[in-house]
């Protein structure tokens, strides 16, 4: 018998943040372009400015991580609310049918 999704999540076998893999060509193009621009700037900066630039990149990554987490939790909550609403509507329809 295979594990449930909750069991896999609990056992550390599912990593939602690592499963996101945008397939849109624009995303890949933007990532490539950002990498090129980053290298262009790094090559032209002084050592101290390069350090500050790298620190800014680290801060940007932290911001993206926090935003990703909040986005995930918001989507998860919304999904649960939708499932709950559907369940309640299904139960109400079922009760109406039983009463007629």
N, C-alpha and C. Protein backbone atom coordinates (compact mmCIF):
# COMPACT_ATOMS: atom_id res chain seq x y z
N UNK A 1 0.84 -1.18 0.00
CA UNK A 1 0.00 0.00 0.00
C UNK A 1 0.89 1.24 0.00
N UNK A 2 0.58 2.18 -0.86
CA UNK A 2 1.39 3.39 -0.93
C UNK A 2 0.99 4.37 0.17
N UNK A 3 1.93 5.25 0.48
CA UNK A 3 1.70 6.24 1.53
C UNK A 3 0.73 7.31 1.04
N UNK A 4 0.00 7.88 1.99
CA UNK A 4 -0.85 9.02 1.66
C UNK A 4 0.03 10.25 1.49
N UNK A 5 -0.54 11.27 0.91
CA UNK A 5 0.20 12.52 0.73
C UNK A 5 0.62 13.08 2.09
N UNK A 6 -0.27 13.01 3.09
CA UNK A 6 0.08 13.52 4.42
C UNK A 6 1.24 12.73 5.03
N UNK A 7 1.26 11.41 4.83
CA UNK A 7 2.37 10.61 5.34
C UNK A 7 3.68 11.00 4.66
N UNK A 8 3.62 11.17 3.34
CA UNK A 8 4.82 11.57 2.59
C UNK A 8 5.32 12.95 3.04
N UNK A 9 4.39 13.86 3.26
CA UNK A 9 4.75 15.20 3.72
C UNK A 9 5.40 15.13 5.10
N UNK A 10 4.79 14.37 5.99
CA UNK A 10 5.31 14.22 7.36
C UNK A 10 6.69 13.58 7.35
N UNK A 11 6.88 12.58 6.49
CA UNK A 11 8.15 11.86 6.43
C UNK A 11 9.24 12.60 5.66
N UNK A 12 8.92 13.80 5.19
CA UNK A 12 9.91 14.60 4.48
C UNK A 12 10.18 14.12 3.06
N UNK A 13 9.24 13.44 2.47
CA UNK A 13 9.41 12.92 1.12
C UNK A 13 8.85 13.88 0.07
N UNK A 14 8.10 14.85 0.49
CA UNK A 14 7.53 15.85 -0.41
C UNK A 14 8.10 17.21 -0.03
N UNK A 15 8.60 17.92 -1.01
CA UNK A 15 9.18 19.24 -0.80
C UNK A 15 8.47 20.22 -1.74
N UNK A 16 7.33 20.77 -1.33
CA UNK A 16 6.56 21.64 -2.22
C UNK A 16 7.38 22.76 -2.85
N UNK A 17 8.25 23.38 -2.10
CA UNK A 17 9.03 24.50 -2.64
C UNK A 17 9.97 24.05 -3.74
N UNK A 18 10.38 22.80 -3.72
CA UNK A 18 11.31 22.30 -4.73
C UNK A 18 10.58 21.71 -5.93
N UNK A 19 9.28 21.54 -5.84
CA UNK A 19 8.53 20.94 -6.93
C UNK A 19 8.03 21.95 -7.94
N UNK A 20 8.14 23.22 -7.62
CA UNK A 20 7.70 24.26 -8.54
C UNK A 20 8.75 24.38 -9.64
N UNK A 21 8.32 24.17 -10.86
CA UNK A 21 9.23 24.24 -12.00
C UNK A 21 8.49 24.91 -13.15
N UNK A 22 8.50 26.25 -13.19
CA UNK A 22 7.77 26.93 -14.25
C UNK A 22 8.23 26.48 -15.63
N UNK A 23 7.28 26.19 -16.47
CA UNK A 23 7.60 25.70 -17.80
C UNK A 23 7.40 26.76 -18.88
N UNK A 24 7.02 27.93 -18.46
CA UNK A 24 6.81 29.01 -19.43
C UNK A 24 8.14 29.44 -20.02
N UNK A 25 8.23 29.52 -21.33
CA UNK A 25 9.49 29.94 -21.97
C UNK A 25 9.96 31.32 -21.48
N UNK A 26 9.01 32.22 -21.21
CA UNK A 26 9.40 33.56 -20.73
C UNK A 26 10.15 33.47 -19.41
N UNK A 27 9.74 32.55 -18.53
CA UNK A 27 10.41 32.40 -17.24
C UNK A 27 11.87 32.02 -17.45
N UNK A 28 12.09 31.02 -18.27
CA UNK A 28 13.46 30.57 -18.54
C UNK A 28 14.29 31.68 -19.19
N UNK A 29 13.66 32.42 -20.10
CA UNK A 29 14.36 33.51 -20.77
C UNK A 29 14.73 34.61 -19.77
N UNK A 30 13.81 34.94 -18.88
CA UNK A 30 14.10 35.96 -17.87
C UNK A 30 15.23 35.50 -16.94
N UNK A 31 15.23 34.24 -16.57
CA UNK A 31 16.30 33.72 -15.71
C UNK A 31 17.65 33.80 -16.40
N UNK A 32 17.68 33.41 -17.67
CA UNK A 32 18.92 33.48 -18.44
C UNK A 32 19.41 34.93 -18.55
N UNK A 33 18.49 35.82 -18.87
CA UNK A 33 18.83 37.24 -19.03
C UNK A 33 19.32 37.83 -17.70
N UNK A 34 18.65 37.48 -16.61
CA UNK A 34 19.08 37.99 -15.30
C UNK A 34 20.50 37.52 -14.99
N UNK A 35 20.79 36.26 -15.29
CA UNK A 35 22.13 35.74 -15.05
C UNK A 35 23.18 36.48 -15.85
N UNK A 36 22.86 36.77 -17.10
CA UNK A 36 23.79 37.52 -17.95
C UNK A 36 24.02 38.93 -17.40
N UNK A 37 22.94 39.58 -17.02
CA UNK A 37 23.05 40.95 -16.49
C UNK A 37 23.83 40.97 -15.19
N UNK A 38 23.58 39.97 -14.36
CA UNK A 38 24.29 39.88 -13.09
C UNK A 38 25.80 39.75 -13.32
N UNK A 39 26.17 38.88 -14.23
CA UNK A 39 27.59 38.70 -14.53
C UNK A 39 28.19 39.97 -15.12
N UNK A 40 27.45 40.61 -16.00
CA UNK A 40 27.93 41.87 -16.61
C UNK A 40 28.25 42.89 -15.52
N UNK A 41 27.32 43.06 -14.59
CA UNK A 41 27.52 44.04 -13.52
C UNK A 41 28.65 43.63 -12.58
N UNK A 42 28.69 42.36 -12.20
CA UNK A 42 29.72 41.89 -11.27
C UNK A 42 31.12 42.12 -11.82
N UNK A 43 31.28 41.93 -13.13
CA UNK A 43 32.60 42.11 -13.74
C UNK A 43 33.05 43.57 -13.71
N UNK A 44 32.12 44.49 -13.66
CA UNK A 44 32.46 45.91 -13.74
C UNK A 44 32.53 46.59 -12.36
N UNK A 45 32.10 45.91 -11.35
CA UNK A 45 32.07 46.51 -10.01
C UNK A 45 33.41 46.32 -9.30
N UNK A 46 33.69 47.24 -8.40
CA UNK A 46 34.86 47.08 -7.54
C UNK A 46 34.58 45.93 -6.58
N UNK A 47 35.59 45.48 -5.90
CA UNK A 47 35.42 44.36 -4.97
C UNK A 47 34.39 44.67 -3.88
N UNK A 48 34.47 45.88 -3.31
CA UNK A 48 33.52 46.23 -2.24
C UNK A 48 32.10 46.36 -2.80
N UNK A 49 31.97 46.91 -4.01
CA UNK A 49 30.64 47.00 -4.62
C UNK A 49 30.10 45.62 -4.99
N UNK A 50 31.00 44.72 -5.40
CA UNK A 50 30.59 43.34 -5.71
C UNK A 50 30.03 42.66 -4.46
N UNK A 51 30.68 42.90 -3.33
CA UNK A 51 30.20 42.33 -2.06
C UNK A 51 28.81 42.85 -1.72
N UNK A 52 28.62 44.15 -1.92
CA UNK A 52 27.29 44.73 -1.67
C UNK A 52 26.26 44.20 -2.65
N UNK A 53 26.66 44.04 -3.89
CA UNK A 53 25.77 43.48 -4.90
C UNK A 53 25.36 42.05 -4.52
N UNK A 54 26.34 41.25 -4.09
CA UNK A 54 26.05 39.87 -3.66
C UNK A 54 25.13 39.86 -2.44
N UNK A 55 25.34 40.79 -1.53
CA UNK A 55 24.46 40.89 -0.36
C UNK A 55 23.05 41.26 -0.78
N UNK A 56 22.93 42.16 -1.75
CA UNK A 56 21.61 42.52 -2.26
C UNK A 56 20.94 41.29 -2.89
N UNK A 57 21.70 40.48 -3.59
CA UNK A 57 21.17 39.25 -4.19
C UNK A 57 20.69 38.28 -3.10
N UNK A 58 21.45 38.18 -2.02
CA UNK A 58 21.04 37.31 -0.91
C UNK A 58 19.75 37.80 -0.27
N UNK A 59 19.65 39.10 -0.09
CA UNK A 59 18.43 39.68 0.47
C UNK A 59 17.25 39.44 -0.47
N UNK A 60 17.47 39.61 -1.76
CA UNK A 60 16.41 39.35 -2.74
C UNK A 60 15.95 37.91 -2.68
N UNK A 61 16.88 36.99 -2.50
CA UNK A 61 16.53 35.57 -2.39
C UNK A 61 15.71 35.30 -1.13
N UNK A 62 16.07 35.93 -0.04
CA UNK A 62 15.31 35.78 1.20
C UNK A 62 13.88 36.31 1.02
N UNK A 63 13.76 37.46 0.37
CA UNK A 63 12.44 38.04 0.10
C UNK A 63 11.63 37.07 -0.75
N UNK A 64 12.24 36.51 -1.80
CA UNK A 64 11.53 35.57 -2.68
C UNK A 64 11.10 34.32 -1.92
N UNK A 65 11.92 33.85 -1.00
CA UNK A 65 11.58 32.67 -0.20
C UNK A 65 10.38 32.95 0.69
N UNK A 66 10.39 34.10 1.35
CA UNK A 66 9.26 34.47 2.22
C UNK A 66 7.99 34.63 1.39
N UNK A 67 8.11 35.29 0.25
CA UNK A 67 6.95 35.48 -0.62
C UNK A 67 6.43 34.13 -1.12
N UNK A 68 7.32 33.25 -1.50
CA UNK A 68 6.91 31.92 -1.96
C UNK A 68 6.17 31.15 -0.89
N UNK A 69 6.66 31.23 0.34
CA UNK A 69 6.00 30.57 1.46
C UNK A 69 4.59 31.13 1.67
N UNK A 70 4.49 32.44 1.68
CA UNK A 70 3.17 33.07 1.87
C UNK A 70 2.23 32.72 0.72
N UNK A 71 2.74 32.70 -0.48
CA UNK A 71 1.94 32.34 -1.64
C UNK A 71 1.45 30.89 -1.53
N UNK A 72 2.33 29.99 -1.11
CA UNK A 72 1.97 28.59 -0.94
C UNK A 72 0.89 28.43 0.12
N UNK A 73 1.07 29.08 1.28
CA UNK A 73 0.08 28.92 2.35
C UNK A 73 -1.26 29.53 1.96
N UNK A 74 -1.23 30.64 1.25
CA UNK A 74 -2.48 31.26 0.78
C UNK A 74 -3.20 30.32 -0.18
N UNK A 75 -2.48 29.76 -1.13
CA UNK A 75 -3.07 28.82 -2.08
C UNK A 75 -3.60 27.57 -1.41
N UNK A 76 -2.86 27.08 -0.43
CA UNK A 76 -3.28 25.88 0.30
C UNK A 76 -4.58 26.15 1.06
N UNK A 77 -4.63 27.28 1.75
CA UNK A 77 -5.84 27.65 2.48
C UNK A 77 -7.03 27.82 1.53
N UNK A 78 -6.80 28.48 0.43
CA UNK A 78 -7.86 28.69 -0.55
C UNK A 78 -8.36 27.34 -1.07
N UNK A 79 -7.45 26.43 -1.36
CA UNK A 79 -7.84 25.10 -1.82
C UNK A 79 -8.69 24.37 -0.80
N UNK A 80 -8.30 24.48 0.47
CA UNK A 80 -9.09 23.84 1.53
C UNK A 80 -10.47 24.48 1.67
N UNK A 81 -10.53 25.79 1.56
CA UNK A 81 -11.83 26.47 1.65
C UNK A 81 -12.74 26.06 0.49
N UNK A 82 -12.16 25.91 -0.71
CA UNK A 82 -12.95 25.47 -1.85
C UNK A 82 -13.47 24.06 -1.61
N UNK A 83 -12.60 23.16 -1.13
CA UNK A 83 -13.01 21.78 -0.85
C UNK A 83 -14.10 21.75 0.22
N UNK A 84 -13.96 22.57 1.25
CA UNK A 84 -14.96 22.63 2.31
C UNK A 84 -16.29 23.13 1.76
N UNK A 85 -16.25 24.17 0.95
CA UNK A 85 -17.47 24.71 0.37
C UNK A 85 -18.16 23.67 -0.50
N UNK A 86 -17.41 22.96 -1.31
CA UNK A 86 -17.99 21.92 -2.17
C UNK A 86 -18.60 20.82 -1.32
N UNK A 87 -17.92 20.44 -0.25
CA UNK A 87 -18.44 19.40 0.64
C UNK A 87 -19.74 19.85 1.28
N UNK A 88 -19.78 21.08 1.75
CA UNK A 88 -21.00 21.60 2.38
C UNK A 88 -22.14 21.68 1.38
N UNK A 89 -21.86 22.13 0.16
CA UNK A 89 -22.91 22.22 -0.85
C UNK A 89 -23.42 20.83 -1.24
N UNK A 90 -22.51 19.87 -1.32
CA UNK A 90 -22.89 18.50 -1.65
C UNK A 90 -23.77 17.92 -0.55
N UNK A 91 -23.40 18.17 0.70
CA UNK A 91 -24.22 17.70 1.83
C UNK A 91 -25.59 18.36 1.82
N UNK A 92 -25.65 19.66 1.53
CA UNK A 92 -26.93 20.37 1.49
C UNK A 92 -27.82 19.81 0.39
N UNK A 93 -27.24 19.54 -0.79
CA UNK A 93 -28.01 18.96 -1.88
C UNK A 93 -28.53 17.57 -1.52
N UNK A 94 -27.67 16.81 -0.88
CA UNK A 94 -28.04 15.47 -0.45
C UNK A 94 -29.18 15.52 0.55
N UNK A 95 -29.11 16.46 1.50
CA UNK A 95 -30.18 16.61 2.50
C UNK A 95 -31.49 17.06 1.86
N UNK A 96 -31.41 17.95 0.87
CA UNK A 96 -32.60 18.40 0.15
C UNK A 96 -33.26 17.25 -0.57
N UNK A 97 -32.45 16.41 -1.19
CA UNK A 97 -32.99 15.27 -1.93
C UNK A 97 -33.65 14.26 -1.00
N UNK A 98 -33.08 14.09 0.17
CA UNK A 98 -33.65 13.16 1.15
C UNK A 98 -34.98 13.68 1.68
N UNK A 99 -35.12 14.99 1.79
CA UNK A 99 -36.34 15.59 2.35
C UNK A 99 -37.46 15.73 1.32
N UNK A 100 -37.18 15.46 0.06
CA UNK A 100 -38.25 15.59 -0.94
C UNK A 100 -38.85 14.26 -1.29
